[in-house]
C-alpha cells in the first residue's frame, strides 16, 4: 500500500436493508420513467429530468435533516433513510441521465448544454438547502414544545 489506510464501514447492511434499498430504487426509477414518458421536452430541453433532480434534492434534504433532528438512528429512521433516501430518491434522481442529456444538447448548442447542466446542479443544491431549512423550521419547534413543560 502507498501509505493510505483503509477504514472499515461504520454500518453493516443486512440482507433486508439491501432488499429495502433495491425495492425503493425500483419505485423511484419507475416514478421517474413514468414522468419522462408523460412529460415531453420543453423547447428541446429535457425539463422532466431537471425537475426530478431538483425535487429529489429538496425531498432528500428534508428527509435526512428531519431524521437527524429527531435524534440518533433507530430502526424506523434507519429503514426510512435506506428505503426512501437511498432507494426511492436514489432511483428517482438521475445525474447519469443529466450527463447524457448534456452531451446530447451540446451537439447542437454547447451554451444551452452548459446552462442546463450547471442550472440543474445549482438548483439541486439550493433545493437541498431549502429542504434542510424546512425540516429545521418544522421539526425543532415541535421538539421544543414537547420538552417545555406547560405552565
Foldseek 3Di string as FASTA:
>chain_A
DPPDDDDDDPDDDDPVLVVLQAVLLVQQLVVLVVQQVVDDADVLHSVSLLVQLLVLLLVLLQLVLLLVLVDDDDDVSSSCCRNNVNRNSVNNHDVPVLVVSLVVVCVPPNVVSVCSSVVSVVSSVVSSVVSNVVNCVPRVVVVVVVVDDDD
